Amino acid sequence: MNRKRAIILNTAIIFGFFAIFLRLFSLMIVDHKALSERAKLQQIKTEDIQAMRGNIYDRRGREFAVNLELESLYCDSTEVDIDKEKVNKLSAVLGMEPKAVRAKFEPEKRFTWIDRKLSPQKAGAVKALLGISANAETEAAEGFGFVPEAKRFYPKGTLAAHVIGAVGLDNQALEGVELKYNRYLKTSGRKIHLERDASGRTLSLGVNMEAKGDDVVLTLDEGLQYIVERELDRAMAQWRAVAGTVIMMDPFTGEILALANRPTYDLNELNRAGRNEVRDRAITDVYEPGSTFKIVIGTAALEEKIFTTESTFDVSRGSIEVGGKVVHDAHRHGVLTFQEVIQKSSNVGSIMVGMRLGKEKIYEYAKRYGFGDDTGIDLPGEVSGWIRKPERWSATSIGAVPIGQEVAVTPLQVLRAYSAIANGGYLVSPHVVSGVRTHDGQTVASFGRTERKQVISAKTAAIFKKILETVVEEGGTATEASVAGNKVAGKTGTAQLIDRRTKRYSKDRYVSSFVGFVPADSPRIAMIVVVYEPKGQIYGGVVAGPVFRNIADQALSYLDVPRDDVQDKNLLLVSK
């Protein structure tokens, strides 16, 4: 009996071990891969996070865009006890509606963001509420946990907003340099691996916050940008204008030294900005330039040797009829020389010049200056404007185009054209980025070294430069643009806007502008000021001219450019 019992017991034991062996074989060999994957799903959650973007600096190495390492709160809905009191407390700390927080807890969802990129103060308050130690970044509590994320931060706020651009919550590039140079600034995203034990505690956090994109160096100068924006703000307030744009450029290299638009926005609060604040009017908005477009007929007439500076025009009638339309001068004049036609901005005289040139030559020179084509600036969203081909001109076009009507331009296009007068006849390539480098200073790419295209002769540029100097002198239309101690060369523009209701030129909506360069004999800066719909005054010399003067005066001092009168005095002393 005992022997029989022993045999049964031994058989049962052997069978048990055999069953265990089969089960282990199945678990370890047959089903190993499937079970491992299932275990990973239960124990490890992988989530993408954004790595550090490269920084953005001005030309002197001052920071325009950097990164902050902040913490983001997540939850595992399978482990969260949705207690109403706790939800209410958490909502209060996060500054969210309780129903919005409660909606985050989706049944069976292993990973859900509750709030992203919390301030240190807010993250600390949440940790205190959940019972997580203040220094912990990876510790979990009842299904909640924190992971570090990179947040884009713009230390200057609104300064140069339309150049720098912005990114979204996930660091996706949306505007400006952030978008145009995104391929350099971004780096591959990183994944976090949240490993948990049976109690739900986080065991490790696999994340590399050291990865960083390349840095971008702008041509902008923070000091000049500040001067430009301050004076533009003052002009906007003084004239109660709808919008405004100022661009400052090196006329020889095309480097944009400052660019500002109003309205504007805070780069750190993109979600509060509308399209009216975000759009870069310097390159996306077109307008009829008015008298600043007289650079086309003025230089064409000189280049083609049709007129000289002393050629005369009888404009005493104060008006001229073209194609059945009468065009008037703003002020009555008598007989004017060619130089005085530009100096006093006579529409009648300019139309006479244009009629002698002919529409083909006007169109040719307009295209030489790049009107109707984009400038190629390294910012997204630039438009080309337009000028109709001669065969599409109406009977009145020969009277409209020479004075800056029936054409559409951007402020940057006008500035580039006048820079060609400043630099001896060359069309430059405007750009806002000088180079890209790694975070340890190694050069990745350099930009801006493009060939210049000669559009008029140096002789014509020199003659027209002297004419533009008289615009700012006594008898010209822009005496208020003169800078003490330095010669200014420039041109005013006053253009009517189209009334959206009547489709005709408005009687009370204007664009006032001034474009020029200084010092005239050896230009350091070229600049355009455009003020949209000023109230109280409309003329470019009155509205935009003083803005140019105030900016230029401060900019020359900032750049340590000596006054012309001091240099002339020193030369006189040396000659004696």
Protein backbone atom coordinates (compact mmCIF):
# COMPACT_ATOMS: atom_id res chain seq x y z
CA MET A 1 0.00 0.00 0.00
CA ASN A 2 2.79 2.31 0.92
CA ARG A 3 4.60 1.39 -2.29
CA LYS A 4 1.50 2.14 -4.37
CA ARG A 5 1.02 5.50 -2.59
CA ALA A 6 4.66 6.39 -3.22
CA ILE A 7 4.33 5.60 -6.91
CA ILE A 8 1.22 7.81 -7.20
CA LEU A 9 2.90 10.64 -5.29
CA ASN A 10 6.06 10.42 -7.39
CA THR A 11 4.03 10.32 -10.58
CA ALA A 12 2.09 13.40 -9.48
CA ILE A 13 5.29 15.25 -8.63
CA ILE A 14 6.92 14.31 -11.95
CA PHE A 15 3.78 15.31 -13.83
CA GLY A 16 3.68 18.62 -11.94
CA PHE A 17 7.30 19.38 -12.74
CA PHE A 18 6.64 18.43 -16.36
CA ALA A 19 3.64 20.78 -16.51
CA ILE A 20 5.72 23.55 -14.95
CA PHE A 21 8.49 22.86 -17.46
CA LEU A 22 6.03 23.07 -20.35
CA ARG A 23 4.65 26.34 -18.98
CA LEU A 24 8.11 27.81 -18.54
CA PHE A 25 9.04 26.66 -22.03
CA SER A 26 5.96 28.38 -23.36
CA LEU A 27 6.61 31.57 -21.41
CA MET A 28 10.35 31.74 -22.01
CA ILE A 29 10.59 30.39 -25.54
CA VAL A 30 7.32 30.21 -27.45
CA ASP A 31 5.50 33.30 -26.12
CA HIS A 32 8.54 35.26 -24.91
CA LYS A 33 8.43 38.04 -27.54
CA ALA A 34 4.69 38.66 -27.26
CA LEU A 35 4.75 38.66 -23.47
CA SER A 36 7.77 40.98 -23.38
CA GLU A 37 5.98 43.48 -25.56
CA ARG A 38 2.91 43.23 -23.35
CA ALA A 39 5.02 43.81 -20.25
CA LYS A 40 6.60 46.87 -21.83
CA LEU A 41 3.18 48.29 -22.55
CA GLN A 42 2.29 47.87 -18.89
CA GLN A 43 5.58 49.04 -17.40
CA ILE A 44 7.05 51.54 -19.88
CA LYS A 45 5.36 54.52 -21.52
CA THR A 46 7.18 56.34 -24.33
CA GLU A 47 6.32 59.95 -25.12
CA ASP A 48 7.93 62.52 -27.43
CA ILE A 49 9.21 65.76 -25.92
CA GLN A 50 10.84 68.78 -27.50
CA ALA A 51 14.60 69.16 -27.33
CA MET A 52 16.38 72.50 -26.94
CA ARG A 53 16.25 74.84 -29.96
CA GLY A 54 19.29 76.86 -30.87
CA ASN A 55 19.52 80.41 -29.51
CA ILE A 56 19.07 83.57 -31.58
CA TYR A 57 21.53 86.44 -31.08
CA ASP A 58 21.91 89.96 -32.46
CA ARG A 59 25.08 90.97 -34.33
CA ARG A 60 26.85 91.76 -31.04
CA GLY A 61 25.96 88.49 -29.34
CA ARG A 62 22.99 89.71 -27.29
CA GLU A 63 20.22 87.19 -26.73
CA PHE A 64 16.91 87.45 -28.57
CA ALA A 65 15.66 83.87 -28.12
CA VAL A 66 16.77 81.29 -25.53
CA ASN A 67 15.40 78.20 -23.78
CA LEU A 68 14.05 77.54 -20.31
CA GLU A 69 13.88 74.04 -18.83
CA LEU A 70 10.47 73.74 -17.23
CA GLU A 71 8.40 70.84 -15.91
CA SER A 72 5.23 69.41 -17.42
CA LEU A 73 2.59 67.52 -15.46
CA TYR A 74 1.21 64.24 -16.80
CA CYS A 75 -1.09 61.56 -15.49
CA ASP A 76 -1.82 57.86 -15.94
CA SER A 77 -5.62 57.70 -16.00
CA THR A 78 -5.58 54.00 -15.12
CA GLU A 79 -4.16 54.86 -11.69
CA VAL A 80 -5.72 58.23 -10.91
CA ASP A 81 -8.44 58.31 -8.30
CA ILE A 82 -10.70 61.04 -9.68
CA ASP A 83 -11.58 62.64 -6.39
CA LYS A 84 -13.71 65.76 -6.79
CA GLU A 85 -11.96 67.62 -3.98
CA LYS A 86 -8.52 66.82 -5.35
CA VAL A 87 -9.55 67.87 -8.85
CA ASN A 88 -10.83 71.18 -7.53
CA LYS A 89 -7.60 71.83 -5.61
CA LEU A 90 -5.47 70.87 -8.60
CA SER A 91 -7.55 73.10 -10.87
CA ALA A 92 -7.10 76.05 -8.52
CA VAL A 93 -3.31 75.63 -8.47
CA LEU A 94 -3.11 75.26 -12.25
CA GLY A 95 -5.51 78.12 -12.90
CA MET A 96 -7.79 75.91 -14.97
CA GLU A 97 -11.48 75.11 -14.87
CA PRO A 98 -12.24 71.89 -12.91
CA LYS A 99 -14.14 70.44 -15.85
CA ALA A 100 -11.14 71.03 -18.11
CA VAL A 101 -8.87 69.13 -15.69
CA ARG A 102 -11.40 66.34 -15.20
CA ALA A 103 -11.64 65.91 -19.00
CA LYS A 104 -7.96 64.97 -19.05
CA PHE A 105 -8.63 61.74 -17.15
CA GLU A 106 -9.62 59.48 -20.03
CA PRO A 107 -10.32 55.88 -18.93
CA GLU A 108 -7.60 53.39 -19.82
CA LYS A 109 -5.30 56.12 -21.17
CA ARG A 110 -1.80 55.53 -19.87
CA PHE A 111 -0.32 58.98 -20.59
CA THR A 112 -2.06 62.37 -20.76
CA TRP A 113 -0.63 65.86 -20.39
CA ILE A 114 -2.41 67.80 -17.66
CA ASP A 115 -0.48 71.05 -18.07
CA ARG A 116 2.67 71.85 -20.03
CA LYS A 117 5.75 73.86 -19.14
CA LEU A 118 4.69 75.09 -15.73
CA SER A 119 6.45 77.97 -14.04
CA PRO A 120 8.73 76.89 -11.16
CA GLN A 121 6.29 78.40 -8.67
CA LYS A 122 3.31 76.57 -10.13
CA ALA A 123 5.20 73.28 -10.42
CA GLY A 124 6.23 73.59 -6.76
CA ALA A 125 2.65 74.19 -5.69
CA VAL A 126 1.43 71.14 -7.61
CA LYS A 127 4.14 68.96 -6.08
CA ALA A 128 3.18 70.11 -2.61
CA LEU A 129 -0.45 69.28 -3.32
CA LEU A 130 0.36 65.81 -4.66
CA GLY A 131 2.94 64.98 -2.03
CA ILE A 132 5.91 64.89 -4.40
CA SER A 133 9.23 66.13 -3.06
CA ALA A 134 10.11 69.63 -4.28
CA ASN A 135 13.34 68.52 -5.98
CA ALA A 136 11.85 65.54 -7.76
CA GLU A 137 11.38 65.69 -11.51
CA THR A 138 10.53 62.06 -12.05
CA GLU A 139 8.76 60.89 -8.92
CA ALA A 140 5.12 59.88 -9.42
CA ALA A 141 2.24 60.11 -6.98
CA GLU A 142 -1.05 58.30 -7.48
CA GLY A 143 -0.72 58.36 -11.26
CA PHE A 144 0.71 61.88 -11.56
CA GLY A 145 4.27 62.76 -12.53
CA PHE A 146 6.56 65.42 -13.97
CA VAL A 147 8.94 65.45 -16.93
CA PRO A 148 11.29 68.28 -18.01
CA GLU A 149 10.57 70.12 -21.27
CA ALA A 150 12.25 72.98 -23.13
CA LYS A 151 10.25 76.20 -23.39
CA ARG A 152 11.17 78.96 -25.82
CA PHE A 153 11.70 82.29 -24.09
CA TYR A 154 12.17 85.72 -25.63
CA PRO A 155 13.91 87.96 -23.07
CA LYS A 156 13.20 91.18 -25.03
CA GLY A 157 9.44 90.55 -25.35
CA THR A 158 8.16 92.65 -28.27
CA LEU A 159 11.55 93.85 -29.51
CA ALA A 160 12.16 92.77 -33.13
CA ALA A 161 9.11 90.50 -32.92
CA HIS A 162 8.47 90.47 -36.67
CA VAL A 163 12.03 89.44 -37.45
CA ILE A 164 12.49 86.80 -34.79
CA GLY A 165 9.06 85.18 -35.09
CA ALA A 166 7.80 82.64 -32.58
CA VAL A 167 7.14 78.98 -31.88
CA GLY A 168 4.11 77.10 -30.57
CA LEU A 169 3.65 75.04 -27.42
CA ASP A 170 5.50 72.09 -28.93
CA ASN A 171 8.30 74.37 -30.18
CA GLN A 172 6.99 74.13 -33.74
CA ALA A 173 8.25 77.08 -35.80
CA LEU A 174 5.50 79.52 -36.82
CA GLU A 175 6.90 82.91 -37.84
CA GLY A 176 10.01 84.90 -38.76
CA VAL A 177 13.56 83.63 -38.39
CA GLU A 178 12.25 80.83 -36.16
CA LEU A 179 10.44 79.47 -39.22
CA LYS A 180 12.85 80.44 -42.01
CA TYR A 181 15.88 78.95 -40.23
CA ASN A 182 14.04 76.15 -38.47
CA ARG A 183 16.23 73.51 -40.12
CA TYR A 184 19.19 74.88 -38.16
CA LEU A 185 17.50 75.90 -34.93
CA LYS A 186 15.69 72.63 -34.28
CA THR A 187 17.22 69.31 -33.36
CA SER A 188 15.67 65.87 -33.41
CA GLY A 189 13.05 65.43 -30.70
CA ARG A 190 13.78 63.20 -27.73
CA LYS A 191 11.65 60.45 -26.24
CA ILE A 192 11.02 59.92 -22.56
CA HIS A 193 10.74 56.37 -21.26
CA LEU A 194 8.73 56.21 -18.08
CA GLU A 195 9.46 52.90 -16.33
CA ARG A 196 7.31 51.94 -13.35
CA ASP A 197 7.29 49.19 -10.80
CA ALA A 198 4.20 47.29 -9.61
CA SER A 199 3.35 50.15 -7.24
CA GLY A 200 3.34 52.67 -10.05
CA ARG A 201 6.49 54.47 -8.92
CA THR A 202 8.72 55.84 -11.64
CA LEU A 203 12.01 53.97 -11.73
CA SER A 204 13.85 55.92 -14.41
CA LEU A 205 13.45 58.78 -16.85
CA GLY A 206 15.26 58.39 -20.14
CA VAL A 207 15.53 61.92 -21.48
CA ASN A 208 18.45 63.91 -22.89
CA MET A 209 17.98 67.62 -22.36
CA GLU A 210 21.54 68.35 -23.52
CA ALA A 211 20.64 67.97 -27.21
CA LYS A 212 20.46 71.44 -28.80
CA GLY A 213 20.02 72.94 -32.24
CA ASP A 214 22.42 75.40 -33.87
CA ASP A 215 22.47 79.08 -32.94
CA VAL A 216 21.48 81.83 -35.41
CA VAL A 217 23.22 85.22 -35.49
CA LEU A 218 21.18 88.14 -36.83
CA THR A 219 22.33 91.23 -38.70
CA LEU A 220 20.11 93.26 -36.33
CA ASP A 221 21.62 95.43 -33.64
CA GLU A 222 19.61 95.46 -30.41
CA GLY A 223 20.54 99.07 -29.68
CA LEU A 224 19.42 100.31 -33.09
CA GLN A 225 16.29 98.18 -32.91
CA TYR A 226 15.39 99.78 -29.58
CA ILE A 227 15.87 103.30 -30.97
CA VAL A 228 13.72 102.51 -34.02
CA GLU A 229 10.88 101.00 -32.00
CA ARG A 230 10.81 103.79 -29.44
CA GLU A 231 10.57 106.50 -32.10
CA LEU A 232 8.00 104.56 -34.10
CA ASP A 233 5.85 104.25 -30.98
CA ARG A 234 6.06 108.00 -30.43
CA ALA A 235 5.02 108.68 -34.02
CA MET A 236 2.10 106.27 -33.76
CA ALA A 237 0.86 108.08 -30.66
CA GLN A 238 1.45 111.58 -32.05
CA TRP A 239 -0.37 110.98 -35.32
CA ARG A 240 -2.88 108.41 -34.00
CA ALA A 241 -1.90 106.23 -36.93
CA VAL A 242 -3.39 102.88 -37.85
CA ALA A 243 -0.03 101.24 -38.55
CA GLY A 244 3.63 101.99 -39.17
CA THR A 245 6.87 100.48 -40.45
CA VAL A 246 10.53 101.44 -40.13
CA ILE A 247 13.41 99.55 -41.75
CA MET A 248 17.09 100.42 -41.31
CA MET A 249 19.64 98.80 -43.62
CA ASP A 250 23.32 98.97 -44.50
CA PRO A 251 23.04 100.25 -48.09
CA PHE A 252 26.25 98.53 -49.19
CA THR A 253 25.72 95.03 -47.80
CA GLY A 254 21.94 94.69 -47.50
CA GLU A 255 22.22 93.84 -43.81
CA ILE A 256 19.01 94.75 -41.99
CA LEU A 257 20.09 96.65 -38.88
CA ALA A 258 16.58 97.18 -37.50
CA LEU A 259 13.05 96.39 -38.62
CA ALA A 260 9.87 97.29 -36.76
CA ASN A 261 6.14 97.25 -37.40
CA ARG A 262 3.16 98.54 -35.51
CA PRO A 263 0.88 97.00 -34.32
CA THR A 264 3.15 94.40 -32.75
CA TYR A 265 2.99 91.60 -30.17
CA ASP A 266 4.86 89.95 -27.32
CA LEU A 267 6.69 86.87 -28.58
CA ASN A 268 6.10 85.17 -25.23
CA GLU A 269 2.32 85.58 -25.63
CA LEU A 270 1.73 84.58 -29.23
CA ASN A 271 -1.64 83.07 -28.32
CA ARG A 272 -2.92 86.57 -27.49
CA ALA A 273 -1.90 88.10 -30.83
CA GLY A 274 -4.11 88.39 -33.91
CA ARG A 275 -3.00 88.39 -37.54
CA ASN A 276 -3.03 92.19 -37.58
CA GLU A 277 -0.32 92.21 -34.91
CA VAL A 278 1.70 89.29 -36.22
CA ARG A 279 2.01 90.13 -39.91
CA ASP A 280 5.26 91.72 -41.05
CA ARG A 281 4.05 94.81 -42.94
CA ALA A 282 7.58 95.60 -44.09
CA ILE A 283 7.41 92.71 -46.56
CA THR A 284 3.79 91.51 -46.66
CA ASP A 285 1.80 94.75 -47.14
CA VAL A 286 1.80 96.69 -50.40
CA TYR A 287 0.84 100.32 -50.94
CA GLU A 288 1.07 102.94 -53.67
CA PRO A 289 4.38 104.69 -52.90
CA GLY A 290 3.52 108.14 -54.21
CA SER A 291 6.45 110.48 -54.77
CA THR A 292 9.13 108.10 -53.45
CA PHE A 293 8.60 106.27 -56.76
CA LYS A 294 9.95 109.33 -58.62
CA ILE A 295 13.37 107.74 -58.23
CA VAL A 296 12.43 105.70 -61.31
CA ILE A 297 11.73 108.52 -63.76
CA GLY A 298 14.39 110.75 -62.19
CA THR A 299 17.30 108.34 -62.60
CA ALA A 300 16.01 106.98 -65.93
CA ALA A 301 15.96 110.47 -67.45
CA LEU A 302 19.53 111.11 -66.30
CA GLU A 303 20.82 107.68 -67.28
CA GLU A 304 19.27 107.93 -70.75
CA LYS A 305 20.63 111.51 -71.07
CA ILE A 306 17.18 112.87 -71.91
CA PHE A 307 17.46 115.66 -69.32
CA THR A 308 20.15 117.29 -67.21
CA THR A 309 19.75 118.72 -63.74
CA GLU A 310 19.30 122.20 -65.33
CA SER A 311 16.63 121.26 -67.85
CA THR A 312 13.53 123.41 -67.26
CA PHE A 313 9.82 122.66 -66.98
CA ASP A 314 6.99 125.17 -66.95
CA VAL A 315 4.57 123.91 -64.31
CA SER A 316 2.98 127.27 -63.60
CA ARG A 317 -0.52 126.05 -64.45
CA GLY A 318 -0.33 123.75 -61.43
CA SER A 319 -2.02 120.89 -63.26
CA ILE A 320 -1.75 118.63 -66.28
CA GLU A 321 -4.31 116.55 -68.15
CA VAL A 322 -3.48 112.96 -69.04
CA GLY A 323 -5.98 110.65 -70.72
CA GLY A 324 -8.88 112.81 -69.66
CA LYS A 325 -7.75 112.98 -66.03
CA VAL A 326 -6.38 116.15 -64.43
CA VAL A 327 -3.44 115.80 -62.03
CA HIS A 328 -2.56 118.69 -59.70
CA ASP A 329 0.52 119.78 -57.82
CA ALA A 330 0.15 120.11 -54.05
CA HIS A 331 1.63 123.63 -54.34
CA ARG A 332 1.83 126.03 -57.28
CA HIS A 333 5.22 126.64 -58.86
CA GLY A 334 6.51 128.51 -61.87
CA VAL A 335 9.35 127.29 -64.04
CA LEU A 336 11.35 124.52 -62.33
CA THR A 337 14.62 122.89 -63.19
CA PHE A 338 14.81 119.11 -63.34
CA GLN A 339 16.49 119.16 -59.93
CA GLU A 340 13.70 121.33 -58.51
CA VAL A 341 11.03 119.02 -59.89
CA ILE A 342 12.39 116.30 -57.60
CA GLN A 343 13.23 118.67 -54.74
CA LYS A 344 9.74 120.16 -54.60
CA SER A 345 8.08 116.88 -55.63
CA SER A 346 6.15 118.42 -58.52
CA ASN A 347 3.66 115.94 -59.92
CA VAL A 348 3.20 118.02 -63.07
CA GLY A 349 6.94 118.16 -63.75
CA SER A 350 7.36 114.46 -63.01
CA ILE A 351 4.60 113.54 -65.47
CA MET A 352 6.31 115.70 -68.11
CA VAL A 353 9.51 113.73 -67.52
CA GLY A 354 7.60 110.46 -67.69
CA MET A 355 5.86 111.37 -70.95
CA ARG A 356 9.22 112.18 -72.53
CA LEU A 357 10.69 108.88 -71.31
CA GLY A 358 7.78 106.74 -72.51
CA LYS A 359 6.12 103.81 -70.81
CA GLU A 360 8.65 101.20 -71.97
CA LYS A 361 11.57 103.02 -70.37
CA ILE A 362 9.62 103.70 -67.17
CA TYR A 363 8.77 100.02 -66.89
CA GLU A 364 12.35 98.99 -67.68
CA TYR A 365 13.83 101.11 -64.92
CA ALA A 366 11.15 100.13 -62.42
CA LYS A 367 12.09 96.50 -63.01
CA ARG A 368 15.79 97.35 -62.73
CA TYR A 369 15.11 98.51 -59.18
CA GLY A 370 13.24 95.30 -58.43
CA PHE A 371 9.71 96.68 -58.29
CA GLY A 372 7.23 93.92 -59.02
CA ASP A 373 9.69 91.27 -57.78
CA ASP A 374 10.40 90.10 -54.26
CA THR A 375 13.72 91.14 -52.75
CA GLY A 376 14.58 87.61 -51.61
CA ILE A 377 14.91 88.60 -47.97
CA ASP A 378 15.33 85.61 -45.66
CA LEU A 379 11.97 86.01 -43.94
CA PRO A 380 8.76 84.10 -44.73
CA GLY A 381 5.74 85.69 -46.38
CA GLU A 382 7.33 88.31 -48.63
CA VAL A 383 5.13 89.53 -51.50
CA SER A 384 6.36 90.93 -54.80
CA GLY A 385 3.94 93.81 -55.35
CA TRP A 386 3.18 94.65 -58.95
CA ILE A 387 3.62 97.02 -61.85
CA ARG A 388 1.70 96.33 -65.03
CA LYS A 389 3.54 95.67 -68.29
CA PRO A 390 3.40 98.61 -70.74
CA GLU A 391 0.95 96.86 -73.06
CA ARG A 392 -1.56 96.79 -70.20
CA TRP A 393 -1.30 100.47 -69.33
CA SER A 394 -4.41 102.61 -69.71
CA ALA A 395 -4.54 106.08 -71.21
CA THR A 396 -3.97 107.58 -67.76
CA SER A 397 -1.12 105.29 -66.72
CA ILE A 398 1.60 107.47 -68.23
CA GLY A 399 0.48 110.17 -65.82
CA ALA A 400 -0.09 107.89 -62.83
CA VAL A 401 2.95 105.60 -62.74
CA PRO A 402 5.62 108.37 -62.75
CA ILE A 403 4.13 109.79 -59.53
CA GLY A 404 3.79 106.44 -57.79
CA GLN A 405 0.20 105.48 -58.62
CA GLU A 406 -1.05 102.30 -60.31
CA VAL A 407 1.89 100.42 -58.76
CA ALA A 408 2.09 98.41 -55.55
CA VAL A 409 5.30 98.17 -53.52
CA THR A 410 6.51 97.05 -50.11
CA PRO A 411 8.53 99.36 -47.82
CA LEU A 412 11.56 97.09 -48.25
CA GLN A 413 11.46 97.39 -52.05
CA VAL A 414 11.52 101.19 -51.82
CA LEU A 415 14.40 101.12 -49.33
CA ARG A 416 16.43 98.80 -51.55
CA ALA A 417 15.94 101.12 -54.55
CA TYR A 418 17.23 104.15 -52.61
CA SER A 419 20.13 102.11 -51.27
CA ALA A 420 21.24 101.78 -54.90
CA ILE A 421 21.62 105.58 -55.00
CA ALA A 422 23.58 105.50 -51.74
CA ASN A 423 26.04 102.79 -52.80
CA GLY A 424 26.82 103.95 -56.32
CA GLY A 425 24.21 102.16 -58.40
CA TYR A 426 24.02 98.59 -57.08
CA LEU A 427 20.97 96.60 -56.03
CA VAL A 428 21.76 94.66 -52.85
CA SER A 429 20.17 91.58 -51.32
CA PRO A 430 18.47 92.41 -48.00
CA HIS A 431 18.96 89.81 -45.27
CA VAL A 432 18.45 89.47 -41.51
CA VAL A 433 20.79 86.55 -40.70
CA SER A 434 24.56 86.72 -40.99
CA GLY A 435 25.38 83.16 -39.98
CA VAL A 436 24.71 79.96 -38.09
CA ARG A 437 27.01 78.38 -35.52
CA THR A 438 27.03 75.50 -33.09
CA HIS A 439 26.47 76.25 -29.40
CA ASP A 440 30.23 75.95 -28.86
CA GLY A 441 30.98 78.58 -31.51
CA GLN A 442 31.82 76.55 -34.62
CA THR A 443 30.60 78.11 -37.87
CA VAL A 444 27.91 76.08 -39.65
CA ALA A 445 26.91 78.52 -42.39
CA SER A 446 27.48 82.14 -43.42
CA PHE A 447 25.02 84.26 -45.40
CA GLY A 448 24.75 87.60 -47.13
CA ARG A 449 27.79 87.41 -49.39
CA THR A 450 25.80 87.65 -52.61
CA GLU A 451 26.91 89.54 -55.70
CA ARG A 452 25.47 93.01 -56.20
CA LYS A 453 23.74 93.89 -59.46
CA GLN A 454 24.50 97.27 -61.04
CA VAL A 455 21.25 98.92 -62.13
CA ILE A 456 22.43 102.48 -62.89
CA SER A 457 25.83 104.04 -63.44
CA ALA A 458 27.86 105.45 -60.58
CA LYS A 459 27.69 108.86 -62.29
CA THR A 460 23.89 108.88 -62.37
CA ALA A 461 23.75 107.70 -58.76
CA ALA A 462 26.08 110.52 -57.70
CA ILE A 463 24.04 113.17 -59.54
CA PHE A 464 20.74 111.93 -58.15
CA LYS A 465 22.23 111.74 -54.66
CA LYS A 466 22.95 115.47 -54.83
CA ILE A 467 19.38 116.10 -55.95
CA LEU A 468 18.07 114.09 -52.99
CA GLU A 469 20.18 116.21 -50.66
CA THR A 470 18.28 119.31 -51.78
CA VAL A 471 14.99 117.65 -50.77
CA VAL A 472 16.09 117.97 -47.13
CA GLU A 473 17.48 121.49 -47.54
CA GLU A 474 15.65 124.83 -47.53
CA GLY A 475 13.05 124.81 -50.30
CA GLY A 476 12.65 121.03 -50.27
CA THR A 477 9.73 118.97 -49.01
CA ALA A 478 11.59 117.33 -46.12
CA THR A 479 13.40 120.01 -44.15
CA GLU A 480 12.17 118.34 -40.96
CA ALA A 481 14.17 115.22 -41.87
CA SER A 482 17.50 117.06 -41.65
CA VAL A 483 20.01 115.82 -39.08
CA ALA A 484 22.18 118.34 -37.26
CA GLY A 485 25.80 117.98 -38.34
CA ASN A 486 25.23 115.41 -41.09
CA LYS A 487 23.92 115.68 -44.65
CA VAL A 488 20.79 113.66 -45.43
CA ALA A 489 19.65 112.56 -48.88
CA GLY A 490 16.08 111.37 -49.26
CA LYS A 491 12.59 111.69 -50.67
CA THR A 492 9.11 112.21 -49.28
CA GLY A 493 6.00 110.31 -50.26
CA THR A 494 2.32 111.12 -49.69
CA ALA A 495 -0.13 108.67 -51.24
CA GLN A 496 -3.89 108.33 -51.06
CA LEU A 497 -5.39 104.99 -50.08
CA ILE A 498 -8.24 103.43 -52.00
CA ASP A 499 -11.63 103.79 -50.33
CA ARG A 500 -12.95 100.24 -49.99
CA ARG A 501 -16.53 101.42 -50.37
CA THR A 502 -16.28 103.70 -53.42
CA LYS A 503 -13.23 102.01 -55.02
CA ARG A 504 -11.82 105.50 -55.54
CA TYR A 505 -8.99 107.38 -53.87
CA SER A 506 -9.95 108.35 -50.33
CA LYS A 507 -10.00 112.00 -49.34
CA ASP A 508 -8.93 111.37 -45.75
CA ARG A 509 -6.84 108.16 -45.71
CA TYR A 510 -3.17 108.52 -46.65
CA VAL A 511 0.19 106.79 -46.41
CA SER A 512 2.98 109.17 -45.39
CA SER A 513 6.60 108.15 -45.94
CA PHE A 514 10.19 109.27 -46.07
CA VAL A 515 13.14 107.25 -47.36
CA GLY A 516 16.76 108.30 -47.32
CA PHE A 517 20.32 107.70 -46.20
CA VAL A 518 22.88 109.42 -43.98
CA PRO A 519 25.59 110.71 -44.00
CA ALA A 520 24.86 111.47 -47.65
CA ASP A 521 28.49 111.54 -48.82
CA SER A 522 29.47 108.34 -47.00
CA PRO A 523 26.25 106.53 -46.05
CA ARG A 524 26.21 104.35 -42.94
CA ILE A 525 22.48 103.74 -42.81
CA ALA A 526 19.59 103.78 -45.27
CA MET A 527 16.12 103.94 -43.76
CA ILE A 528 12.46 104.13 -44.67
CA VAL A 529 9.64 105.36 -42.45
CA VAL A 530 6.06 104.57 -43.47
CA VAL A 531 3.07 105.79 -41.43
CA TYR A 532 -0.37 104.50 -42.40
CA GLU A 533 -3.39 106.77 -42.01
CA PRO A 534 -2.00 109.55 -39.78
CA LYS A 535 -4.47 112.00 -38.28
CA GLY A 536 -3.98 115.76 -38.38
CA GLN A 537 -1.28 115.86 -41.07
CA ILE A 538 -0.70 113.81 -44.20
CA TYR A 539 2.52 114.96 -45.86
CA GLY A 540 5.50 112.62 -45.70
CA GLY A 541 7.88 115.46 -44.87
CA VAL A 542 5.81 116.45 -41.83
CA VAL A 543 4.74 113.03 -40.55
CA ALA A 544 7.58 110.64 -41.48
CA GLY A 545 10.47 113.09 -41.90
CA PRO A 546 10.86 113.90 -38.18
CA VAL A 547 10.80 110.18 -37.32
CA PHE A 548 13.70 109.64 -39.73
CA ARG A 549 15.58 112.58 -38.18
CA ASN A 550 15.09 111.40 -34.58
CA ILE A 551 16.16 107.85 -35.34
CA ALA A 552 19.10 108.85 -37.52
CA ASP A 553 20.42 111.35 -34.98
CA GLN A 554 20.48 108.72 -32.22
CA ALA A 555 21.71 105.94 -34.51
CA LEU A 556 24.70 107.92 -35.76
CA SER A 557 25.66 108.70 -32.17
CA TYR A 558 25.23 105.04 -31.21
CA LEU A 559 27.41 103.95 -34.14
CA ASP A 560 29.96 106.65 -33.27
CA VAL A 561 29.73 108.23 -36.74
CA PRO A 562 31.46 111.65 -36.74
CA ARG A 563 29.48 114.74 -37.76
CA ASP A 564 30.12 116.10 -41.25
CA ASP A 565 30.62 119.62 -39.94
CA VAL A 566 33.27 118.45 -37.47
CA GLN A 567 35.14 116.55 -40.20
CA ASP A 568 34.95 119.56 -42.53
CA LYS A 569 36.32 121.77 -39.76
CA ASN A 570 39.17 119.35 -39.09
CA LEU A 571 40.02 119.18 -42.79
CA LEU A 572 40.09 122.97 -42.93
CA LEU A 573 42.48 123.14 -39.97
CA VAL A 574 44.78 120.54 -41.58
CA SER A 575 44.80 122.41 -44.89
CA LYS A 576 45.84 125.60 -43.09
